[in-house]
Amino acid sequence: MSAAAPVGGGRGAEAGTVDAAGAVGAAGAVDAAGGVHAAGGAVAAAAPRLAAILLGVACVAWTATPVRHTGLATTALVVSIIAVTAGALRLALADVPQPEDDYFLSAPVRGWLAFLAVLRLLPWEEIALAALLWLEVQHPARPWHTAALGAGLVAYLLGVHIAESGAAHLIRRQAKVLIAGACLLALGAGFAMLPAAGAGAGSALLRVLAAVAVIVAAALVLPA
């Protein structure tokens, strides 16, 4: 009878060790899962910002090609590059807090906060939009190139809005309006090509496509 007590105590100690090891393993698994979810959330938050930045860069490259070596074109290109870069920095630094009271801060920190304030104050995307449109005007008439630029600029502004607000459902809710805008954009490009196309089968086809674009846009915009 005296030997039974140590055996029971040993089994209890082993069970306690197993339970402790299981608890540690479960805690480690929970921490690992939390880390994976946090990393996934960071990637999901950074993806719209990266997409908006890439769209801005693509619009600048699309409009600047071929490069025009005139004063107004060069100025518009420089302004658009500065505006797109500043907008990209604003998106990248959107999570950096800015204290309300900076009285006791050092001069470098105050300079950094002033830089952030300027980034968040000016409408960089609208400035880039105006500069890119002015740069496109400096090129010879190219209707479909300009239509593609219009689509890219709309996508850029939508991407910035989604990156700032997180309203990814905006595209689904405004799908009809966006499709109607694309139809009207194609309509404008088609009409711009009519004088160059002249009379003939190609001109008639463009007129038919323009009429179809108007009908589709009206059907999408009008309420059911």
Protein backbone atom coordinates (compact mmCIF):
# COMPACT_ATOMS: atom_id res chain seq x y z
CA MET A 1 0.00 0.00 0.00
CA SER A 2 2.86 2.33 0.73
CA ALA A 3 4.25 1.98 -2.82
CA ALA A 4 0.96 3.01 -4.48
CA ALA A 5 1.13 6.63 -3.37
CA PRO A 6 4.40 7.49 -5.17
CA VAL A 7 3.10 5.88 -8.35
CA GLY A 8 -0.06 8.00 -8.27
CA GLY A 9 1.96 11.09 -7.49
CA GLY A 10 4.29 10.36 -10.41
CA ARG A 11 1.36 9.98 -12.79
CA GLY A 12 -0.09 13.27 -11.53
CA ALA A 13 3.22 15.02 -12.10
CA GLU A 14 3.48 13.60 -15.63
CA ALA A 15 -0.08 14.69 -16.40
CA GLY A 16 0.68 18.18 -15.12
CA THR A 17 3.79 18.35 -17.30
CA VAL A 18 1.80 17.25 -20.36
CA ASP A 19 -0.91 19.82 -19.64
CA ALA A 20 1.68 22.57 -19.24
CA ALA A 21 3.38 21.57 -22.48
CA GLY A 22 0.02 21.53 -24.26
CA ALA A 23 -0.83 24.97 -22.93
CA VAL A 24 2.52 26.34 -24.09
CA GLY A 25 2.03 24.77 -27.51
CA ALA A 26 -1.48 26.18 -27.81
CA ALA A 27 -0.27 29.63 -26.79
CA GLY A 28 2.49 29.45 -29.37
CA ALA A 29 0.03 28.41 -32.07
CA VAL A 30 -2.29 31.29 -31.15
CA ASP A 31 0.61 33.75 -31.28
CA ALA A 32 1.72 32.39 -34.65
CA ALA A 33 -1.82 32.64 -36.02
CA GLY A 34 -2.08 36.19 -34.70
CA GLY A 35 1.19 37.07 -36.40
CA VAL A 36 -0.02 35.61 -39.70
CA HIS A 37 -3.30 37.55 -39.48
CA ALA A 38 -1.41 40.76 -38.63
CA ALA A 39 0.90 40.29 -41.61
CA GLY A 40 -2.07 39.60 -43.85
CA GLY A 41 -3.78 42.75 -42.61
CA ALA A 42 -0.68 44.82 -43.29
CA VAL A 43 -0.43 43.46 -46.83
CA ALA A 44 -4.14 44.10 -47.43
CA ALA A 45 -3.75 47.69 -46.21
CA ALA A 46 -0.64 48.32 -48.32
CA ALA A 47 -2.00 46.82 -51.57
CA PRO A 48 -4.43 49.68 -52.44
CA ARG A 49 -1.76 52.27 -51.71
CA LEU A 50 0.77 50.50 -53.91
CA ALA A 51 -1.82 50.15 -56.69
CA ALA A 52 -2.64 53.86 -56.55
CA ILE A 53 1.05 54.80 -56.67
CA LEU A 54 1.70 52.53 -59.65
CA LEU A 55 -1.32 53.97 -61.47
CA GLY A 56 0.02 57.48 -60.95
CA VAL A 57 3.44 56.52 -62.29
CA ALA A 58 1.85 54.78 -65.27
CA CYS A 59 -0.21 57.87 -66.12
CA VAL A 60 2.90 60.06 -66.06
CA ALA A 61 4.84 57.66 -68.28
CA TRP A 62 1.90 57.26 -70.68
CA THR A 63 1.39 61.01 -71.07
CA ALA A 64 5.07 61.90 -71.36
CA THR A 65 5.67 59.50 -74.27
CA PRO A 66 7.01 60.70 -76.65
CA VAL A 67 8.90 63.37 -74.73
CA ARG A 68 8.19 66.93 -75.86
CA HIS A 69 11.13 69.33 -75.51
CA THR A 70 9.11 72.53 -75.22
CA GLY A 71 8.92 74.84 -72.24
CA LEU A 72 5.27 74.23 -71.37
CA ALA A 73 5.52 70.47 -71.84
CA THR A 74 8.63 70.26 -69.68
CA THR A 75 7.00 72.35 -66.95
CA ALA A 76 3.87 70.20 -66.99
CA LEU A 77 5.97 67.03 -66.83
CA VAL A 78 8.00 68.31 -63.86
CA VAL A 79 4.86 69.42 -62.00
CA SER A 80 3.15 66.08 -62.63
CA ILE A 81 6.18 64.13 -61.39
CA ILE A 82 6.39 66.24 -58.23
CA ALA A 83 2.64 65.92 -57.60
CA VAL A 84 2.54 62.15 -58.12
CA THR A 85 5.63 61.70 -55.92
CA ALA A 86 4.17 63.87 -53.16
CA GLY A 87 0.87 62.00 -53.36
CA ALA A 88 2.72 58.69 -53.12
CA LEU A 89 4.61 59.91 -50.03
CA ARG A 90 1.34 61.06 -48.46
CA LEU A 91 -0.18 57.62 -48.97
CA ALA A 92 2.93 55.87 -47.67
CA LEU A 93 3.07 58.06 -44.54
CA ALA A 94 -0.69 58.11 -43.91
CA ASP A 95 -0.34 56.10 -40.68
CA VAL A 96 2.31 58.37 -39.16
CA PRO A 97 0.66 60.35 -36.34
CA GLN A 98 1.04 64.10 -36.01
CA PRO A 99 0.93 65.49 -32.44
CA GLU A 100 -1.29 68.44 -31.72
CA ASP A 101 1.23 70.19 -29.44
CA ASP A 102 4.77 70.54 -30.84
CA TYR A 103 6.00 73.28 -28.50
CA PHE A 104 8.59 71.12 -26.70
CA LEU A 105 9.78 69.24 -29.80
CA SER A 106 13.22 69.69 -31.33
CA ALA A 107 13.83 71.59 -34.55
CA PRO A 108 14.36 68.46 -36.73
CA VAL A 109 11.13 66.92 -35.44
CA ARG A 110 9.28 70.19 -36.11
CA GLY A 111 10.67 70.24 -39.65
CA TRP A 112 9.50 66.66 -40.18
CA LEU A 113 6.03 67.51 -38.89
CA ALA A 114 5.87 70.58 -41.12
CA PHE A 115 6.81 68.37 -44.09
CA LEU A 116 4.00 65.97 -43.19
CA ALA A 117 1.57 68.87 -42.86
CA VAL A 118 2.42 70.12 -46.35
CA LEU A 119 2.01 66.61 -47.76
CA ARG A 120 -1.42 66.31 -46.18
CA LEU A 121 -2.56 69.83 -47.00
CA LEU A 122 -2.23 70.19 -50.78
CA PRO A 123 -4.44 68.24 -53.23
CA TRP A 124 -1.57 66.49 -55.00
CA GLU A 125 -3.74 64.18 -57.08
CA GLU A 126 -5.76 67.08 -58.50
CA ILE A 127 -2.53 68.96 -59.27
CA ALA A 128 -1.17 65.89 -61.05
CA LEU A 129 -4.44 65.56 -62.98
CA ALA A 130 -4.28 69.15 -64.22
CA ALA A 131 -0.59 68.88 -65.12
CA LEU A 132 -1.04 65.61 -67.01
CA LEU A 133 -3.99 66.98 -68.98
CA TRP A 134 -1.95 70.05 -69.89
CA LEU A 135 0.96 67.82 -70.92
CA GLU A 136 -1.37 65.77 -73.12
CA VAL A 137 -2.57 68.96 -74.80
CA GLN A 138 1.03 69.72 -75.84
CA HIS A 139 1.12 66.58 -78.00
CA PRO A 140 -0.46 66.29 -81.45
CA ALA A 141 -4.03 65.01 -81.57
CA ARG A 142 -4.15 61.32 -80.62
CA PRO A 143 -7.73 60.47 -79.61
CA TRP A 144 -7.36 56.88 -78.45
CA HIS A 145 -4.19 57.67 -76.55
CA THR A 146 -6.03 60.49 -74.78
CA ALA A 147 -9.01 58.21 -74.09
CA ALA A 148 -6.70 55.65 -72.47
CA LEU A 149 -5.17 58.45 -70.41
CA GLY A 150 -8.65 59.48 -69.23
CA ALA A 151 -9.38 55.93 -68.12
CA GLY A 152 -6.03 55.75 -66.34
CA LEU A 153 -6.60 59.04 -64.52
CA VAL A 154 -10.04 57.92 -63.33
CA ALA A 155 -8.51 54.68 -62.08
CA TYR A 156 -5.75 56.66 -60.34
CA LEU A 157 -8.20 58.92 -58.52
CA LEU A 158 -10.39 55.97 -57.55
CA GLY A 159 -7.34 54.07 -56.31
CA VAL A 160 -6.27 57.00 -54.13
CA HIS A 161 -9.79 57.33 -52.70
CA ILE A 162 -9.96 53.60 -51.91
CA ALA A 163 -6.48 53.66 -50.36
CA GLU A 164 -7.44 56.57 -48.11
CA SER A 165 -10.95 55.51 -47.12
CA GLY A 166 -10.80 51.74 -47.46
CA ALA A 167 -14.07 51.85 -49.44
CA ALA A 168 -13.28 48.94 -51.74
CA HIS A 169 -17.01 48.43 -52.31
CA LEU A 170 -17.09 51.78 -54.15
CA ILE A 171 -16.26 50.16 -57.48
CA ARG A 172 -19.07 47.62 -57.14
CA ARG A 173 -21.60 50.28 -56.17
CA GLN A 174 -20.58 52.63 -58.99
CA ALA A 175 -20.01 49.97 -61.65
CA LYS A 176 -22.80 51.24 -63.91
CA VAL A 177 -21.59 54.81 -63.75
CA LEU A 178 -18.02 53.75 -64.51
CA ILE A 179 -19.12 51.67 -67.48
CA ALA A 180 -21.22 54.57 -68.74
CA GLY A 181 -18.22 56.86 -68.41
CA ALA A 182 -16.09 54.38 -70.36
CA CYS A 183 -18.71 54.30 -73.12
CA LEU A 184 -18.81 58.09 -73.30
CA LEU A 185 -15.01 58.19 -73.32
CA ALA A 186 -14.96 55.82 -76.26
CA LEU A 187 -17.65 57.96 -77.88
CA GLY A 188 -15.50 61.07 -77.57
CA ALA A 189 -12.47 59.31 -79.00
CA GLY A 190 -14.56 57.98 -81.87
CA PHE A 191 -15.93 61.40 -82.74
CA ALA A 192 -12.42 62.85 -82.57
CA MET A 193 -11.36 60.30 -85.17
CA LEU A 194 -14.19 61.15 -87.59
CA PRO A 195 -12.52 64.15 -89.33
CA ALA A 196 -9.34 62.14 -89.79
CA ALA A 197 -11.20 59.08 -91.05
CA GLY A 198 -13.11 61.00 -93.71
CA ALA A 199 -15.97 59.54 -95.68
CA GLY A 200 -16.14 55.80 -96.16
CA ALA A 201 -16.85 52.51 -94.42
CA GLY A 202 -14.56 53.34 -91.50
CA SER A 203 -16.36 56.61 -90.80
CA ALA A 204 -19.75 54.88 -90.93
CA LEU A 205 -18.52 52.20 -88.53
CA LEU A 206 -17.33 54.85 -86.07
CA ARG A 207 -20.72 56.53 -86.20
CA VAL A 208 -22.46 53.23 -85.49
CA LEU A 209 -20.14 52.54 -82.57
CA ALA A 210 -20.76 56.04 -81.22
CA ALA A 211 -24.52 55.51 -81.37
CA VAL A 212 -24.19 52.16 -79.59
CA ALA A 213 -22.04 53.78 -76.89
CA VAL A 214 -24.69 56.45 -76.28
CA ILE A 215 -27.45 53.84 -76.02
CA VAL A 216 -25.46 51.67 -73.61
CA ALA A 217 -24.52 54.67 -71.45
CA ALA A 218 -28.13 55.83 -71.27
CA ALA A 219 -29.35 52.33 -70.40
CA LEU A 220 -26.81 52.07 -67.57
CA VAL A 221 -27.45 55.50 -66.07
CA LEU A 222 -31.24 55.62 -66.26
CA PRO A 223 -32.99 53.94 -63.33
CA ALA A 224 -34.64 50.60 -63.91
